[in-house]
């Protein structure tokens, strides 16, 4: 391989850097600035995994620049071969970062790196066989029969990422996932462009998606109660306005005995009790059942487009879970057909019934205490 002086190399670097490289470098700086801030995402995601696509894209930018320089002179064939192999080896790692961000922190994830390693080994075969790619007599790039493997691995990681998000964040509304679908489609389109034109569109797509995905997760954290991971009071009021006509029933839920638990066992015990109740609510949440924490020990459930039987069944499942963990709640349930067309009236009726249920609990509790004394 012919040597390259520092001065001429700098001139060649300036010549091959294009607008897509400037855009990618700007996105790298923005994403790095965001990630170096204090950790603001919840424990449900691995914020550190965002560094994987960032570092991978930085290396890919450098590799693409040197590969472009190598394309200018057949005497640099070895440099072009090495940078091409390294570029194909790093692309799946950049996409894998998305999956590792949302993969459960408590579960092992080392096995996700196996396809990255196998892909790298496969492209290393270009050193002695045209199985993945080669350069013909006039120094043109030729893709081999397995040359598209890197793109298939990236697509598999994207699909697994979307599936993991749906499983782990099933309480999110469809509209909240629209940005994730757009990012996934953007990466798929960029992969198609790179496959057909051998370009670097995937770099910018990955970096834009990383930044948007981070902001999406941050917005989700702002919409959730930090203790229970249920939707918070602000989202509750917004949904009441947006989903009012779709609500067929409302349930008001209030924990019994939180003050006593805090006074006798401490606030940590009270927090654990609230999280137990939240887990019971999470067990019934779906696209049609949305749960919120609207106060200290106050929760609300909105049932959308649901029949009375399935609503009562969901409440029954929730109560069984609460009894199983040894907690107690007061519940008031109101249906649209008995409360008119007004959501406000449904909420008023459900609150009234909840307070009646709570009153019965404390009267029974007082009777048992008098009997013991």
Protein backbone atom coordinates (compact mmCIF):
# COMPACT_ATOMS: atom_id res chain seq x y z
CA UNK A 1 0.00 0.00 0.00
CA UNK A 2 1.46 3.37 -1.02
CA UNK A 3 2.28 5.80 1.76
CA UNK A 4 0.32 9.00 2.09
CA UNK A 5 1.79 12.25 3.39
CA UNK A 6 0.00 14.20 6.09
CA UNK A 7 -0.54 17.27 3.93
CA UNK A 8 -1.90 15.44 0.87
CA UNK A 9 -4.05 13.25 3.09
CA UNK A 10 -5.69 16.31 4.67
CA UNK A 11 -6.42 17.67 1.21
CA UNK A 12 -7.94 14.35 0.18
CA UNK A 13 -10.03 14.20 3.36
CA UNK A 14 -11.41 17.67 2.59
CA UNK A 15 -12.20 16.52 -0.93
CA UNK A 16 -14.20 13.43 0.07
CA UNK A 17 -16.13 14.85 3.03
CA UNK A 18 -19.64 15.61 1.87
CA UNK A 19 -22.82 17.08 3.31
CA UNK A 20 -23.90 13.72 4.74
CA UNK A 21 -20.68 13.60 6.79
CA UNK A 22 -21.21 17.11 8.17
CA UNK A 23 -24.79 16.21 9.11
CA UNK A 24 -23.67 13.00 10.82
CA UNK A 25 -20.91 14.80 12.75
CA UNK A 26 -23.32 17.49 13.91
CA UNK A 27 -25.76 14.81 15.10
CA UNK A 28 -22.92 13.05 16.93
CA UNK A 29 -22.11 16.25 18.82
CA UNK A 30 -25.76 16.88 19.72
CA UNK A 31 -26.34 13.30 20.90
CA UNK A 32 -23.08 13.30 22.90
CA UNK A 33 -24.12 16.57 24.59
CA UNK A 34 -27.49 15.07 25.52
CA UNK A 35 -25.99 11.85 26.85
CA UNK A 36 -23.33 13.55 28.97
CA UNK A 37 -26.06 15.25 30.98
CA UNK A 38 -27.27 13.67 34.19
CA UNK A 39 -29.14 10.40 33.90
CA UNK A 40 -32.79 11.29 33.51
CA UNK A 41 -34.30 8.12 32.13
CA UNK A 42 -36.03 5.59 34.34
CA UNK A 43 -34.54 2.33 35.49
CA UNK A 44 -36.64 0.52 32.87
CA UNK A 45 -34.17 1.46 30.12
CA UNK A 46 -30.40 1.25 29.73
CA UNK A 47 -29.39 4.83 29.03
CA UNK A 48 -25.72 3.83 28.70
CA UNK A 49 -26.52 1.73 25.63
CA UNK A 50 -27.11 4.93 23.66
CA UNK A 51 -23.33 5.29 23.57
CA UNK A 52 -23.06 2.15 21.42
CA UNK A 53 -24.64 3.65 18.27
CA UNK A 54 -22.88 6.95 18.92
CA UNK A 55 -19.37 5.43 19.09
CA UNK A 56 -20.17 3.06 16.23
CA UNK A 57 -21.30 5.97 14.04
CA UNK A 58 -18.18 8.01 14.88
CA UNK A 59 -16.02 5.11 13.71
CA UNK A 60 -18.22 4.57 10.65
CA UNK A 61 -17.83 8.21 9.64
CA UNK A 62 -14.04 7.94 9.86
CA UNK A 63 -14.05 4.62 8.01
CA UNK A 64 -16.21 5.99 5.23
CA UNK A 65 -13.87 8.96 4.77
CA UNK A 66 -10.79 6.75 4.50
CA UNK A 67 -12.63 4.30 2.26
CA UNK A 68 -13.51 7.18 -0.06
CA UNK A 69 -9.85 8.20 -0.13
CA UNK A 70 -8.84 4.62 -0.92
CA UNK A 71 -11.32 4.53 -3.83
CA UNK A 72 -9.34 7.29 -5.52
CA UNK A 73 -6.26 5.13 -6.13
CA UNK A 74 -6.12 1.37 -6.93
CA UNK A 75 -2.76 1.28 -5.13
CA UNK A 76 -4.73 1.71 -1.90
CA UNK A 77 -6.70 -1.47 -2.45
CA UNK A 78 -5.67 -2.90 0.94
CA UNK A 79 -6.86 0.22 2.77
CA UNK A 80 -10.20 0.07 0.96
CA UNK A 81 -10.58 -3.62 1.78
CA UNK A 82 -9.91 -3.11 5.51
CA UNK A 83 -12.17 -0.05 5.85
CA UNK A 84 -14.99 -1.79 3.96
CA UNK A 85 -14.81 -4.86 6.19
CA UNK A 86 -14.72 -2.72 9.34
CA UNK A 87 -17.69 -0.67 8.11
CA UNK A 88 -19.82 -3.74 7.46
CA UNK A 89 -18.81 -5.17 10.86
CA UNK A 90 -19.82 -2.01 12.75
CA UNK A 91 -23.22 -1.31 11.15
CA UNK A 92 -25.13 -4.00 13.10
CA UNK A 93 -23.52 -2.83 16.35
CA UNK A 94 -24.89 0.66 15.74
CA UNK A 95 -28.43 -0.70 15.32
CA UNK A 96 -28.07 -3.13 18.22
CA UNK A 97 -27.78 -0.16 20.57
CA UNK A 98 -31.52 0.52 20.19
CA UNK A 99 -32.41 -3.00 21.31
CA UNK A 100 -30.04 -2.88 24.30
CA UNK A 101 -31.60 0.42 25.44
CA UNK A 102 -35.04 -1.14 25.94
CA UNK A 103 -33.98 -4.69 26.81
CA UNK A 104 -34.78 -5.45 30.51
CA UNK A 105 -31.73 -4.41 32.58
CA UNK A 106 -32.00 -7.51 34.77
CA UNK A 107 -31.75 -9.91 31.83
CA UNK A 108 -28.56 -11.05 30.14
CA UNK A 109 -27.82 -9.44 26.80
CA UNK A 110 -24.39 -10.73 25.80
CA UNK A 111 -25.95 -13.17 23.31
CA UNK A 112 -27.19 -10.25 21.19
CA UNK A 113 -23.58 -9.61 20.24
CA UNK A 114 -23.25 -13.05 18.62
CA UNK A 115 -24.81 -11.95 15.27
CA UNK A 116 -22.49 -8.92 15.28
CA UNK A 117 -19.47 -11.17 15.70
CA UNK A 118 -20.64 -13.70 13.10
CA UNK A 119 -21.38 -10.88 10.65
CA UNK A 120 -17.87 -9.49 11.17
CA UNK A 121 -16.30 -12.91 10.59
CA UNK A 122 -18.38 -13.39 7.45
CA UNK A 123 -17.21 -10.10 5.92
CA UNK A 124 -13.60 -10.91 6.81
CA UNK A 125 -13.85 -13.67 4.20
CA UNK A 126 -13.59 -10.88 1.60
CA UNK A 127 -9.84 -11.05 2.19
CA UNK A 128 -9.68 -14.33 0.29
CA UNK A 129 -13.07 -14.99 -1.37
CA UNK A 130 -15.77 -12.82 -3.09
CA UNK A 131 -18.51 -14.32 -0.93
CA UNK A 132 -19.57 -10.93 0.49
CA UNK A 133 -17.85 -8.37 -1.77
CA UNK A 134 -14.83 -7.87 -3.98
CA UNK A 135 -13.20 -5.39 -6.37
CA UNK A 136 -13.05 -6.26 -10.06
CA UNK A 137 -10.28 -5.57 -12.56
CA UNK A 138 -11.18 -1.88 -12.96
CA UNK A 139 -11.35 -1.42 -9.14
CA UNK A 140 -15.17 -1.29 -9.03
CA UNK A 141 -17.03 -2.62 -6.00
CA UNK A 142 -18.89 -5.89 -6.55
CA UNK A 143 -21.35 -7.27 -3.99
CA UNK A 144 -21.18 -11.03 -3.48
CA UNK A 145 -24.03 -13.53 -2.93
CA UNK A 146 -23.94 -12.91 0.86
CA UNK A 147 -23.25 -9.20 0.56
CA UNK A 148 -26.62 -8.23 1.99
CA UNK A 149 -26.18 -10.13 5.26
CA UNK A 150 -25.31 -6.99 7.21
CA UNK A 151 -28.64 -5.43 6.25
CA UNK A 152 -30.59 -8.54 7.25
CA UNK A 153 -28.94 -8.50 10.68
CA UNK A 154 -29.81 -4.80 11.11
CA UNK A 155 -33.43 -5.44 10.12
CA UNK A 156 -33.65 -8.32 12.62
CA UNK A 157 -32.40 -6.01 15.41
CA UNK A 158 -34.97 -3.35 14.46
CA UNK A 159 -37.81 -5.87 14.51
CA UNK A 160 -36.70 -7.20 17.91
CA UNK A 161 -36.50 -3.64 19.23
CA UNK A 162 -40.08 -2.87 18.18
CA UNK A 163 -41.30 -6.16 19.65
CA UNK A 164 -39.51 -5.53 22.95
CA UNK A 165 -40.98 -2.03 23.21
CA UNK A 166 -44.50 -3.39 22.68
CA UNK A 167 -44.03 -6.09 25.32
CA UNK A 168 -42.37 -3.92 27.97
CA UNK A 169 -44.33 -0.71 27.40
CA UNK A 170 -47.74 -2.17 26.61
CA UNK A 171 -49.50 0.59 28.56
CA UNK A 172 -48.40 3.21 26.03
CA UNK A 173 -50.95 4.49 23.55
CA UNK A 174 -50.58 3.86 19.79
CA UNK A 175 -50.05 7.54 19.10
CA UNK A 176 -47.02 7.55 21.41
CA UNK A 177 -45.35 4.89 19.28
CA UNK A 178 -45.80 6.75 16.00
CA UNK A 179 -42.37 8.37 16.34
CA UNK A 180 -40.79 4.94 16.90
CA UNK A 181 -42.43 3.57 13.76
CA UNK A 182 -41.15 6.56 11.78
CA UNK A 183 -37.61 6.03 13.07
CA UNK A 184 -37.73 2.31 12.24
CA UNK A 185 -39.04 3.00 8.73
CA UNK A 186 -36.39 5.69 8.27
CA UNK A 187 -33.63 3.24 9.18
CA UNK A 188 -35.10 0.63 6.82
CA UNK A 189 -35.20 3.18 4.01
CA UNK A 190 -31.63 4.24 4.73
CA UNK A 191 -30.52 0.60 4.61
CA UNK A 192 -32.20 0.21 1.22
CA UNK A 193 -30.39 3.31 -0.07
CA UNK A 194 -27.06 2.05 1.25
CA UNK A 195 -27.65 -1.37 -0.28
CA UNK A 196 -28.50 0.00 -3.71
CA UNK A 197 -26.06 2.92 -3.83
CA UNK A 198 -23.42 1.78 -1.34
CA UNK A 199 -23.85 5.04 0.57
CA UNK A 200 -23.80 6.18 4.19
CA UNK A 201 -27.44 7.20 4.65
CA UNK A 202 -27.78 4.69 7.50
CA UNK A 203 -25.37 6.72 9.64
CA UNK A 204 -27.57 9.81 9.71
CA UNK A 205 -30.70 7.68 10.10
CA UNK A 206 -29.23 5.90 13.14
CA UNK A 207 -28.09 9.13 14.75
CA UNK A 208 -31.39 10.92 14.13
CA UNK A 209 -33.28 7.88 15.44
CA UNK A 210 -31.05 7.73 18.54
CA UNK A 211 -31.72 11.36 19.35
CA UNK A 212 -35.45 11.10 18.68
CA UNK A 213 -35.67 7.82 20.61
CA UNK A 214 -33.92 9.40 23.60
CA UNK A 215 -36.29 12.38 23.57
CA UNK A 216 -39.24 9.98 23.20
CA UNK A 217 -38.17 8.01 26.30
CA UNK A 218 -37.60 11.25 28.19
CA UNK A 219 -41.10 12.46 27.29
CA UNK A 220 -42.50 9.12 28.46
CA UNK A 221 -40.77 9.56 31.83
CA UNK A 222 -42.29 13.01 32.18
CA UNK A 223 -45.73 11.52 31.60
CA UNK A 224 -45.36 8.81 34.23
CA UNK A 225 -45.47 8.90 38.01
CA UNK A 226 -41.90 8.12 39.15
CA UNK A 227 -42.93 5.89 42.07
CA UNK A 228 -45.57 3.69 40.45
CA UNK A 229 -44.77 4.10 36.71
CA UNK A 230 -48.47 4.74 36.09
CA UNK A 231 -49.59 7.70 34.00
CA UNK A 232 -49.56 10.89 36.06
CA UNK A 233 -52.22 13.47 36.90
CA UNK A 234 -51.38 15.74 33.95
CA UNK A 235 -51.85 12.91 31.43
CA UNK A 236 -55.09 11.96 33.19
CA UNK A 237 -56.56 15.41 32.60
CA UNK A 238 -55.35 15.41 28.99
CA UNK A 239 -56.89 12.00 28.34
CA UNK A 240 -60.17 13.02 29.89
CA UNK A 241 -60.37 15.79 27.30
CA UNK A 242 -59.16 13.73 24.33
CA UNK A 243 -60.77 10.37 25.10
CA UNK A 244 -63.95 11.51 26.81
CA UNK A 245 -66.33 10.12 24.18
CA UNK A 246 -64.52 6.76 24.14
CA UNK A 247 -64.79 6.21 27.91
CA UNK A 248 -67.47 3.66 28.76
CA UNK A 249 -66.66 3.36 32.49
CA UNK A 250 -64.55 4.97 35.19
CA UNK A 251 -63.11 3.46 38.37
CA UNK A 252 -61.89 5.52 41.33
CA UNK A 253 -59.37 3.68 43.50
CA UNK A 254 -58.04 4.78 46.88
CA UNK A 255 -55.67 2.88 49.17
CA UNK A 256 -56.99 2.06 52.63
CA UNK A 257 -54.73 2.74 55.61
CA UNK A 258 -51.84 4.56 53.94
CA UNK A 259 -51.52 7.08 56.80
CA UNK A 260 -51.42 4.29 59.37
CA UNK A 261 -48.77 2.45 57.36
CA UNK A 262 -46.66 5.59 57.09
CA UNK A 263 -47.04 6.42 60.79
CA UNK A 264 -46.34 2.92 62.12
CA UNK A 265 -43.93 1.45 59.57
CA UNK A 266 -42.45 4.48 57.84
CA UNK A 267 -42.83 6.09 54.44
CA UNK A 268 -40.74 3.43 52.75
CA UNK A 269 -43.37 0.87 53.73
CA UNK A 270 -46.06 3.20 52.39
CA UNK A 271 -44.19 3.52 49.10
CA UNK A 272 -43.91 -0.27 48.83
CA UNK A 273 -47.65 -0.59 49.40
CA UNK A 274 -48.38 1.97 46.68
CA UNK A 275 -46.12 0.09 44.27
CA UNK A 276 -47.99 -3.14 45.04
CA UNK A 277 -51.27 -1.44 44.15
CA UNK A 278 -49.66 -0.06 40.99
CA UNK A 279 -48.54 -3.57 40.00
CA UNK A 280 -52.13 -4.70 40.34
CA UNK A 281 -53.22 -1.89 38.05
CA UNK A 282 -50.44 -2.67 35.57
CA UNK A 283 -51.71 -6.25 35.41
CA UNK A 284 -54.98 -5.10 33.82
CA UNK A 285 -53.79 -2.20 31.67
CA UNK A 286 -54.15 -2.49 27.92
CA UNK A 287 -55.13 -0.33 24.95
CA UNK A 288 -58.64 -0.23 26.41
CA UNK A 289 -57.77 0.06 30.12
CA UNK A 290 -55.65 3.05 31.21
CA UNK A 291 -54.58 3.56 34.84
CA UNK A 292 -53.30 6.77 36.47
CA UNK A 293 -51.95 7.89 39.81
CA UNK A 294 -53.66 11.22 40.41
CA UNK A 295 -52.70 11.84 44.04
CA UNK A 296 -50.89 10.41 47.04
CA UNK A 297 -52.98 7.25 47.39
CA UNK A 298 -55.54 8.06 44.70
CA UNK A 299 -55.78 6.25 41.36
CA UNK A 300 -58.13 6.42 38.41
CA UNK A 301 -58.95 3.90 35.68
CA UNK A 302 -60.51 4.80 32.33
CA UNK A 303 -62.14 1.97 30.35
CA UNK A 304 -62.37 2.64 26.61
CA UNK A 305 -64.90 0.97 24.31
CA UNK A 306 -65.38 -1.85 26.83
CA UNK A 307 -68.44 -3.90 27.72
CA UNK A 308 -69.74 -4.14 31.28
CA UNK A 309 -68.76 -7.79 31.66
CA UNK A 310 -65.14 -7.29 30.65
CA UNK A 311 -64.92 -4.17 32.83
CA UNK A 312 -66.15 -6.02 35.92
CA UNK A 313 -63.83 -8.92 35.10
CA UNK A 314 -60.83 -6.54 34.91
CA UNK A 315 -61.76 -4.95 38.25
CA UNK A 316 -62.13 -8.43 39.74
CA UNK A 317 -58.64 -9.41 38.54
CA UNK A 318 -57.25 -6.22 40.06
CA UNK A 319 -58.95 -6.86 43.42
CA UNK A 320 -57.70 -10.44 43.53
CA UNK A 321 -54.15 -9.21 42.99
CA UNK A 322 -54.55 -6.62 45.77
CA UNK A 323 -55.86 -9.22 48.22
CA UNK A 324 -53.06 -11.58 47.25
CA UNK A 325 -50.37 -9.08 48.27
CA UNK A 326 -52.16 -8.21 51.51
CA UNK A 327 -53.26 -4.67 50.67
CA UNK A 328 -56.67 -3.01 50.78
CA UNK A 329 -58.28 -0.49 48.46
CA UNK A 330 -61.63 1.23 48.13
CA UNK A 331 -63.08 1.10 44.62
CA UNK A 332 -65.94 3.00 43.01
CA UNK A 333 -67.13 2.01 39.53
CA UNK A 334 -69.45 4.03 37.29
CA UNK A 335 -70.76 3.21 33.79
CA UNK A 336 -71.74 5.62 31.07
CA UNK A 337 -75.21 4.17 30.61
CA UNK A 338 -76.08 4.97 34.23
CA UNK A 339 -74.37 8.35 34.38
CA UNK A 340 -75.45 9.93 31.12
CA UNK A 341 -73.11 11.21 28.43
CA UNK A 342 -70.98 13.31 30.77
CA UNK A 343 -67.55 12.01 31.76
CA UNK A 344 -67.57 14.48 34.65
CA UNK A 345 -70.73 12.84 35.97
CA UNK A 346 -69.19 9.37 35.66
CA UNK A 347 -66.18 10.54 37.66
CA UNK A 348 -68.44 12.12 40.30
CA UNK A 349 -70.42 8.89 40.67
CA UNK A 350 -67.29 6.71 40.82
CA UNK A 351 -65.76 8.99 43.48
CA UNK A 352 -68.95 8.87 45.52
CA UNK A 353 -69.06 5.08 45.41
CA UNK A 354 -65.38 4.86 46.28
CA UNK A 355 -65.90 7.00 49.38
CA UNK A 356 -68.86 4.83 50.37
CA UNK A 357 -66.67 1.74 49.99
CA UNK A 358 -63.93 3.39 52.05
CA UNK A 359 -66.43 4.32 54.75
CA UNK A 360 -67.58 0.70 55.01
CA UNK A 361 -63.95 -0.44 55.33
CA UNK A 362 -63.20 1.93 58.21
CA UNK A 363 -66.48 1.18 60.01
CA UNK A 364 -65.72 -2.53 59.82
CA UNK A 365 -62.15 -1.84 60.95
CA UNK A 366 -63.42 0.16 63.97
CA UNK A 367 -65.84 -2.64 64.93
CA UNK A 368 -63.06 -5.22 64.89
CA UNK A 369 -60.87 -2.96 67.01
CA UNK A 370 -63.64 -2.46 69.61
CA UNK A 371 -64.28 -6.19 69.74
CA UNK A 372 -60.61 -6.89 70.42
CA UNK A 373 -60.54 -4.30 73.19
